[in-house]
N, C-alpha and C. Protein backbone atom coordinates (compact mmCIF):
# COMPACT_ATOMS: atom_id res chain seq x y z
N UNK A 1 114.02 103.39 104.00
CA UNK A 1 114.28 103.90 105.33
C UNK A 1 113.22 103.37 106.29
N UNK A 2 113.65 103.06 107.48
CA UNK A 2 112.71 102.56 108.50
C UNK A 2 111.71 103.64 108.89
N UNK A 3 110.49 103.25 109.25
CA UNK A 3 109.54 104.26 109.73
C UNK A 3 110.01 104.84 111.06
N UNK A 4 109.58 106.05 111.33
CA UNK A 4 109.90 106.69 112.60
C UNK A 4 109.03 106.08 113.69
N UNK A 5 109.63 105.84 114.83
CA UNK A 5 108.94 105.24 115.98
C UNK A 5 108.94 106.23 117.14
N UNK A 6 107.77 106.50 117.65
CA UNK A 6 107.62 107.42 118.77
C UNK A 6 106.88 106.72 119.91
N UNK A 7 107.26 107.10 121.13
CA UNK A 7 106.59 106.59 122.32
C UNK A 7 106.03 107.77 123.08
N UNK A 8 104.72 107.77 123.30
CA UNK A 8 104.06 108.77 124.12
C UNK A 8 103.81 108.14 125.48
N UNK A 9 104.28 108.81 126.53
CA UNK A 9 104.08 108.33 127.89
C UNK A 9 103.22 109.35 128.61
N UNK A 10 101.96 108.99 128.85
CA UNK A 10 101.00 109.90 129.47
C UNK A 10 99.91 109.09 130.13
N UNK A 11 99.58 109.43 131.36
CA UNK A 11 98.56 108.67 132.09
C UNK A 11 97.15 109.07 131.71
N UNK A 12 96.99 110.14 130.92
CA UNK A 12 95.66 110.61 130.52
C UNK A 12 95.23 109.94 129.21
N UNK A 13 94.16 109.12 129.24
CA UNK A 13 93.68 108.51 127.99
C UNK A 13 93.28 109.57 126.96
N UNK A 14 92.74 110.70 127.41
CA UNK A 14 92.37 111.77 126.48
C UNK A 14 93.60 112.35 125.77
N UNK A 15 94.68 112.56 126.53
CA UNK A 15 95.89 113.09 125.91
C UNK A 15 96.53 112.07 124.98
N UNK A 16 96.45 110.79 125.32
CA UNK A 16 96.95 109.75 124.41
C UNK A 16 96.16 109.78 123.11
N UNK A 17 94.84 109.91 123.23
CA UNK A 17 93.99 109.95 122.04
C UNK A 17 94.30 111.18 121.18
N UNK A 18 94.51 112.33 121.81
CA UNK A 18 94.88 113.54 121.07
C UNK A 18 96.19 113.32 120.31
N UNK A 19 97.16 112.71 120.97
CA UNK A 19 98.44 112.44 120.31
C UNK A 19 98.24 111.49 119.13
N UNK A 20 97.44 110.44 119.33
CA UNK A 20 97.18 109.50 118.24
C UNK A 20 96.52 110.20 117.06
N UNK A 21 95.54 111.05 117.34
CA UNK A 21 94.87 111.79 116.25
C UNK A 21 95.85 112.71 115.54
N UNK A 22 96.70 113.40 116.30
CA UNK A 22 97.67 114.31 115.69
C UNK A 22 98.65 113.54 114.80
N UNK A 23 99.16 112.42 115.30
CA UNK A 23 100.11 111.64 114.51
C UNK A 23 99.44 111.04 113.28
N UNK A 24 98.20 110.55 113.41
CA UNK A 24 97.49 110.00 112.24
C UNK A 24 97.31 111.07 111.17
N UNK A 25 97.05 112.29 111.61
CA UNK A 25 96.83 113.40 110.67
C UNK A 25 98.14 113.85 110.03
N UNK A 26 99.20 113.96 110.84
CA UNK A 26 100.45 114.57 110.38
C UNK A 26 101.47 113.57 109.85
N UNK A 27 101.44 112.36 110.36
CA UNK A 27 102.48 111.39 109.99
C UNK A 27 101.91 109.97 110.03
N UNK A 28 101.00 109.67 109.10
CA UNK A 28 100.35 108.35 109.14
C UNK A 28 101.34 107.18 109.00
N UNK A 29 102.50 107.42 108.42
CA UNK A 29 103.48 106.35 108.27
C UNK A 29 104.31 106.13 109.54
N UNK A 30 104.19 107.04 110.50
CA UNK A 30 104.92 106.89 111.77
C UNK A 30 104.29 105.78 112.62
N UNK A 31 105.13 105.17 113.44
CA UNK A 31 104.65 104.18 114.40
C UNK A 31 104.59 104.87 115.75
N UNK A 32 103.39 104.93 116.32
CA UNK A 32 103.20 105.58 117.62
C UNK A 32 102.75 104.53 118.62
N UNK A 33 103.49 104.44 119.72
CA UNK A 33 103.14 103.56 120.82
C UNK A 33 102.80 104.43 122.01
N UNK A 34 101.77 104.07 122.76
CA UNK A 34 101.40 104.83 123.95
C UNK A 34 101.58 103.96 125.19
N UNK A 35 102.10 104.58 126.24
CA UNK A 35 102.22 103.94 127.54
C UNK A 35 101.52 104.82 128.55
N UNK A 36 100.76 104.20 129.45
CA UNK A 36 99.96 104.96 130.40
C UNK A 36 100.65 105.24 131.72
N UNK A 37 101.91 104.80 131.85
CA UNK A 37 102.63 105.06 133.10
C UNK A 37 104.13 105.00 132.82
N UNK A 38 104.90 105.57 133.75
CA UNK A 38 106.34 105.51 133.63
C UNK A 38 106.86 104.08 133.69
N UNK A 39 106.27 103.27 134.56
CA UNK A 39 106.71 101.87 134.69
C UNK A 39 106.44 101.09 133.41
N UNK A 40 105.25 101.29 132.85
CA UNK A 40 104.92 100.60 131.58
C UNK A 40 105.90 101.02 130.49
N UNK A 41 106.22 102.31 130.43
CA UNK A 41 107.16 102.80 129.41
C UNK A 41 108.54 102.18 129.61
N UNK A 42 109.00 102.13 130.86
CA UNK A 42 110.32 101.57 131.14
C UNK A 42 110.38 100.09 130.74
N UNK A 43 109.32 99.36 131.01
CA UNK A 43 109.28 97.95 130.60
C UNK A 43 109.36 97.83 129.08
N UNK A 44 108.60 98.67 128.37
CA UNK A 44 108.65 98.66 126.90
C UNK A 44 110.05 98.98 126.40
N UNK A 45 110.63 100.04 126.95
CA UNK A 45 111.94 100.50 126.50
C UNK A 45 113.02 99.45 126.73
N UNK A 46 112.85 98.65 127.76
CA UNK A 46 113.86 97.63 128.07
C UNK A 46 113.66 96.33 127.31
N UNK A 47 112.54 96.22 126.56
CA UNK A 47 112.34 95.04 125.72
C UNK A 47 113.37 95.06 124.61
N UNK A 48 113.97 93.92 124.35
CA UNK A 48 115.06 93.84 123.38
C UNK A 48 114.65 94.30 121.98
N UNK A 49 113.44 93.98 121.56
CA UNK A 49 113.06 94.29 120.18
C UNK A 49 112.24 95.57 120.04
N UNK A 50 112.07 96.34 121.12
CA UNK A 50 111.31 97.59 121.04
C UNK A 50 112.23 98.69 120.51
N UNK A 51 111.81 99.32 119.43
CA UNK A 51 112.59 100.38 118.80
C UNK A 51 111.85 101.71 118.93
N UNK A 52 112.60 102.76 119.31
CA UNK A 52 111.98 104.08 119.41
C UNK A 52 113.00 105.14 119.02
N UNK A 53 112.53 106.15 118.29
CA UNK A 53 113.40 107.25 117.89
C UNK A 53 113.36 108.39 118.91
N UNK A 54 112.16 108.68 119.42
CA UNK A 54 111.98 109.78 120.37
C UNK A 54 110.86 109.41 121.33
N UNK A 55 111.04 109.79 122.61
CA UNK A 55 110.01 109.62 123.63
C UNK A 55 109.38 110.97 123.92
N UNK A 56 108.06 111.03 123.91
CA UNK A 56 107.30 112.22 124.35
C UNK A 56 106.79 111.89 125.73
N UNK A 57 107.21 112.65 126.73
CA UNK A 57 107.00 112.27 128.11
C UNK A 57 106.25 113.32 128.92
N UNK A 58 105.16 112.90 129.53
CA UNK A 58 104.43 113.74 130.48
C UNK A 58 105.17 113.67 131.81
N UNK A 59 105.07 114.72 132.61
CA UNK A 59 105.78 114.73 133.90
C UNK A 59 104.93 114.22 135.05
N UNK A 60 103.70 114.71 135.12
CA UNK A 60 102.86 114.45 136.30
C UNK A 60 102.02 113.21 136.11
N UNK A 61 102.58 112.09 136.58
CA UNK A 61 101.88 110.81 136.49
C UNK A 61 101.98 110.12 137.84
N UNK A 62 100.94 109.39 138.22
CA UNK A 62 101.02 108.64 139.48
C UNK A 62 102.01 107.49 139.36
N UNK A 63 102.50 107.02 140.49
CA UNK A 63 103.47 105.93 140.47
C UNK A 63 104.83 106.49 140.11
N UNK A 64 105.33 106.14 138.94
CA UNK A 64 106.61 106.65 138.46
C UNK A 64 106.37 107.92 137.64
N UNK A 65 106.84 109.04 138.13
CA UNK A 65 106.65 110.32 137.43
C UNK A 65 107.54 110.37 136.19
N UNK A 66 107.29 111.36 135.36
CA UNK A 66 108.13 111.56 134.18
C UNK A 66 109.58 111.81 134.56
N UNK A 67 109.80 112.59 135.63
CA UNK A 67 111.17 112.82 136.09
C UNK A 67 111.85 111.51 136.49
N UNK A 68 111.13 110.64 137.19
CA UNK A 68 111.71 109.36 137.61
C UNK A 68 112.04 108.48 136.41
N UNK A 69 111.15 108.46 135.41
CA UNK A 69 111.43 107.69 134.19
C UNK A 69 112.66 108.26 133.49
N UNK A 70 112.74 109.56 133.38
CA UNK A 70 113.88 110.20 132.72
C UNK A 70 115.18 109.83 133.45
N UNK A 71 115.17 109.86 134.77
CA UNK A 71 116.36 109.47 135.55
C UNK A 71 116.76 108.02 135.23
N UNK A 72 115.77 107.12 135.21
CA UNK A 72 116.06 105.71 134.93
C UNK A 72 116.62 105.53 133.53
N UNK A 73 116.07 106.25 132.57
CA UNK A 73 116.56 106.14 131.19
C UNK A 73 118.01 106.62 131.09
N UNK A 74 118.33 107.69 131.77
CA UNK A 74 119.68 108.26 131.66
C UNK A 74 120.71 107.43 132.42
N UNK A 75 120.27 106.56 133.33
CA UNK A 75 121.19 105.65 134.04
C UNK A 75 121.44 104.36 133.25
N UNK A 76 120.59 104.07 132.28
CA UNK A 76 120.65 102.81 131.53
C UNK A 76 121.46 103.01 130.24
N UNK A 77 122.60 102.32 130.11
CA UNK A 77 123.43 102.49 128.90
C UNK A 77 122.69 102.20 127.60
N UNK A 78 121.68 101.36 127.65
CA UNK A 78 120.92 101.04 126.42
C UNK A 78 119.91 102.14 126.07
N UNK A 79 119.53 102.96 127.05
CA UNK A 79 118.47 103.95 126.84
C UNK A 79 118.97 105.39 126.86
N UNK A 80 120.18 105.60 127.32
CA UNK A 80 120.67 106.95 127.60
C UNK A 80 120.65 107.87 126.38
N UNK A 81 120.85 107.33 125.18
CA UNK A 81 120.92 108.18 123.99
C UNK A 81 119.57 108.45 123.34
N UNK A 82 118.50 107.85 123.82
CA UNK A 82 117.18 108.08 123.22
C UNK A 82 116.73 109.49 123.58
N UNK A 83 116.42 110.31 122.59
CA UNK A 83 115.94 111.66 122.89
C UNK A 83 114.59 111.61 123.64
N UNK A 84 114.49 112.44 124.66
CA UNK A 84 113.25 112.54 125.44
C UNK A 84 112.78 113.99 125.39
N UNK A 85 111.57 114.16 124.87
CA UNK A 85 110.95 115.48 124.81
C UNK A 85 109.84 115.51 125.85
N UNK A 86 109.95 116.45 126.77
CA UNK A 86 108.90 116.61 127.78
C UNK A 86 107.73 117.30 127.12
N UNK A 87 106.53 116.74 127.30
CA UNK A 87 105.29 117.34 126.79
C UNK A 87 104.35 117.39 127.98
N UNK A 88 104.30 118.57 128.62
CA UNK A 88 103.61 118.70 129.90
C UNK A 88 102.72 119.94 129.92
N UNK A 89 101.73 119.91 130.78
CA UNK A 89 100.91 121.11 130.98
C UNK A 89 101.63 122.11 131.89
N UNK A 90 102.69 121.66 132.56
CA UNK A 90 103.40 122.52 133.50
C UNK A 90 104.34 123.49 132.78
N UNK A 91 104.19 124.76 133.09
CA UNK A 91 105.13 125.76 132.58
C UNK A 91 105.99 126.30 133.73
N UNK A 92 105.99 125.59 134.86
CA UNK A 92 106.75 126.02 136.03
C UNK A 92 108.25 125.98 135.72
N UNK A 93 108.94 127.06 136.02
CA UNK A 93 110.38 127.15 135.76
C UNK A 93 111.15 126.03 136.45
N UNK A 94 110.71 125.64 137.64
CA UNK A 94 111.37 124.56 138.38
C UNK A 94 111.29 123.25 137.60
N UNK A 95 110.13 122.95 137.01
CA UNK A 95 109.98 121.72 136.22
C UNK A 95 110.85 121.77 134.97
N UNK A 96 110.87 122.91 134.31
CA UNK A 96 111.67 123.06 133.09
C UNK A 96 113.15 122.88 133.42
N UNK A 97 113.60 123.54 134.49
CA UNK A 97 115.01 123.43 134.89
C UNK A 97 115.38 122.00 135.25
N UNK A 98 114.50 121.32 136.00
CA UNK A 98 114.79 119.94 136.39
C UNK A 98 114.86 119.03 135.17
N UNK A 99 113.95 119.25 134.21
CA UNK A 99 113.95 118.42 132.99
C UNK A 99 115.28 118.55 132.25
N UNK A 100 115.77 119.77 132.10
CA UNK A 100 117.04 119.95 131.39
C UNK A 100 118.22 119.46 132.23
N UNK A 101 118.14 119.60 133.55
CA UNK A 101 119.19 119.06 134.42
C UNK A 101 119.30 117.55 134.25
N UNK A 102 118.16 116.90 134.02
CA UNK A 102 118.12 115.45 133.81
C UNK A 102 118.36 115.06 132.35
N UNK A 103 118.75 116.04 131.54
CA UNK A 103 119.14 115.82 130.15
C UNK A 103 117.98 115.53 129.20
N UNK A 104 116.82 116.13 129.46
CA UNK A 104 115.75 116.08 128.46
C UNK A 104 116.25 116.80 127.21
N UNK A 105 115.81 116.35 126.05
CA UNK A 105 116.24 116.97 124.79
C UNK A 105 115.50 118.27 124.52
N UNK A 106 114.27 118.35 125.01
CA UNK A 106 113.44 119.52 124.76
C UNK A 106 112.29 119.53 125.75
N UNK A 107 111.64 120.68 125.87
CA UNK A 107 110.52 120.83 126.80
C UNK A 107 109.42 121.60 126.08
N UNK A 108 108.26 120.99 125.93
CA UNK A 108 107.12 121.65 125.30
C UNK A 108 105.97 121.72 126.30
N UNK A 109 105.36 122.90 126.40
CA UNK A 109 104.17 123.05 127.22
C UNK A 109 102.98 122.74 126.32
N UNK A 110 102.18 121.73 126.71
CA UNK A 110 101.04 121.31 125.90
C UNK A 110 100.09 122.48 125.67
N UNK A 111 99.72 122.64 124.42
CA UNK A 111 98.74 123.67 124.07
C UNK A 111 97.35 123.19 124.46
N UNK A 112 96.49 124.12 124.82
CA UNK A 112 95.14 123.75 125.24
C UNK A 112 94.18 123.57 124.06
N UNK A 113 94.51 124.13 122.89
CA UNK A 113 93.62 123.95 121.74
C UNK A 113 94.19 122.89 120.81
N UNK A 114 93.30 122.12 120.18
CA UNK A 114 93.76 121.04 119.31
C UNK A 114 94.53 121.59 118.12
N UNK A 115 94.10 122.72 117.54
CA UNK A 115 94.80 123.30 116.39
C UNK A 115 96.23 123.69 116.77
N UNK A 116 96.40 124.29 117.93
CA UNK A 116 97.75 124.66 118.39
C UNK A 116 98.57 123.42 118.73
N UNK A 117 97.91 122.41 119.31
CA UNK A 117 98.59 121.14 119.63
C UNK A 117 99.09 120.50 118.33
N UNK A 118 98.25 120.50 117.30
CA UNK A 118 98.66 119.96 115.99
C UNK A 118 99.90 120.69 115.48
N UNK A 119 99.90 122.00 115.62
CA UNK A 119 101.04 122.80 115.18
C UNK A 119 102.30 122.42 115.97
N UNK A 120 102.15 122.23 117.28
CA UNK A 120 103.29 121.80 118.11
C UNK A 120 103.84 120.46 117.63
N UNK A 121 102.94 119.51 117.41
CA UNK A 121 103.37 118.16 116.98
C UNK A 121 103.99 118.23 115.59
N UNK A 122 103.44 119.04 114.71
CA UNK A 122 104.00 119.18 113.37
C UNK A 122 105.44 119.69 113.44
N UNK A 123 105.68 120.72 114.27
CA UNK A 123 107.05 121.26 114.42
C UNK A 123 107.96 120.21 115.05
N UNK A 124 107.45 119.47 116.04
CA UNK A 124 108.19 118.40 116.68
C UNK A 124 108.61 117.36 115.64
N UNK A 125 107.66 116.91 114.83
CA UNK A 125 107.95 115.89 113.81
C UNK A 125 108.95 116.41 112.78
N UNK A 126 108.77 117.65 112.32
CA UNK A 126 109.71 118.22 111.34
C UNK A 126 111.12 118.21 111.90
N UNK A 127 111.27 118.64 113.15
CA UNK A 127 112.60 118.70 113.75
C UNK A 127 113.21 117.31 113.88
N UNK A 128 112.50 116.39 114.51
CA UNK A 128 113.09 115.08 114.80
C UNK A 128 113.28 114.24 113.56
N UNK A 129 112.43 114.42 112.55
CA UNK A 129 112.63 113.64 111.33
C UNK A 129 113.80 114.19 110.51
N UNK A 130 114.08 115.48 110.64
CA UNK A 130 115.22 116.04 109.89
C UNK A 130 116.54 115.81 110.62
N UNK A 131 116.48 115.47 111.90
CA UNK A 131 117.72 115.27 112.66
C UNK A 131 117.77 113.88 113.29
N UNK A 132 117.19 112.93 112.60
CA UNK A 132 117.10 111.57 113.13
C UNK A 132 118.49 111.00 113.45
N UNK A 133 118.59 110.44 114.63
CA UNK A 133 119.81 109.72 115.00
C UNK A 133 119.43 108.26 115.17
N UNK A 134 120.39 107.39 115.04
CA UNK A 134 120.11 105.97 115.19
C UNK A 134 120.27 105.61 116.66
N UNK A 135 119.16 105.24 117.30
CA UNK A 135 119.19 104.86 118.70
C UNK A 135 118.87 103.39 118.89
N UNK A 136 118.71 102.69 117.81
CA UNK A 136 118.35 101.28 117.92
C UNK A 136 119.49 100.51 118.56
N UNK A 137 119.17 99.71 119.51
CA UNK A 137 120.17 98.95 120.24
C UNK A 137 120.07 97.49 119.81
N UNK A 138 121.18 96.88 119.59
CA UNK A 138 121.16 95.50 119.13
C UNK A 138 121.36 94.51 120.24
C-alpha cells in the first residue's frame, strides 16, 4: 500500500514544526509536506506528480487565506475531491460555518498544549487512515 501523504498549509514556522514533530512521533511512515502560504500550497497541489490524501489547512494567513485556498480547490476538478481539514486557532462560529459552507471535510481548533495537539493529530490520523479514499489524479 502506498504511504499516506499529508499537506500542512500554515504560515507559522512554529506550527509547521509542531506538525512535523507530531507526524514523526505518530506516523513516521507518512509523507508530510509543509507549505507556508495558500499560494505555495495551490502551486504544489496543481503539480502533476504531487500526491496528497488530506490537506490540513490554517485559515488566517497573509496573501491567500485558507478560505481562499479552499475556494480555489473546490473550483478545480482535479482538486475538488481532496479532503481538507481546517486546523485553526479560531473557534469563531462564523469561521466554522464558512469552512463547512465551502465544503471543508472537518474543522479542528488547534490545541494550545503539545500533548493535546498530539492527541488531536492521532485521532485525525486514525480517522483518515481508516477511511482513505483515492484522490490521486492521473
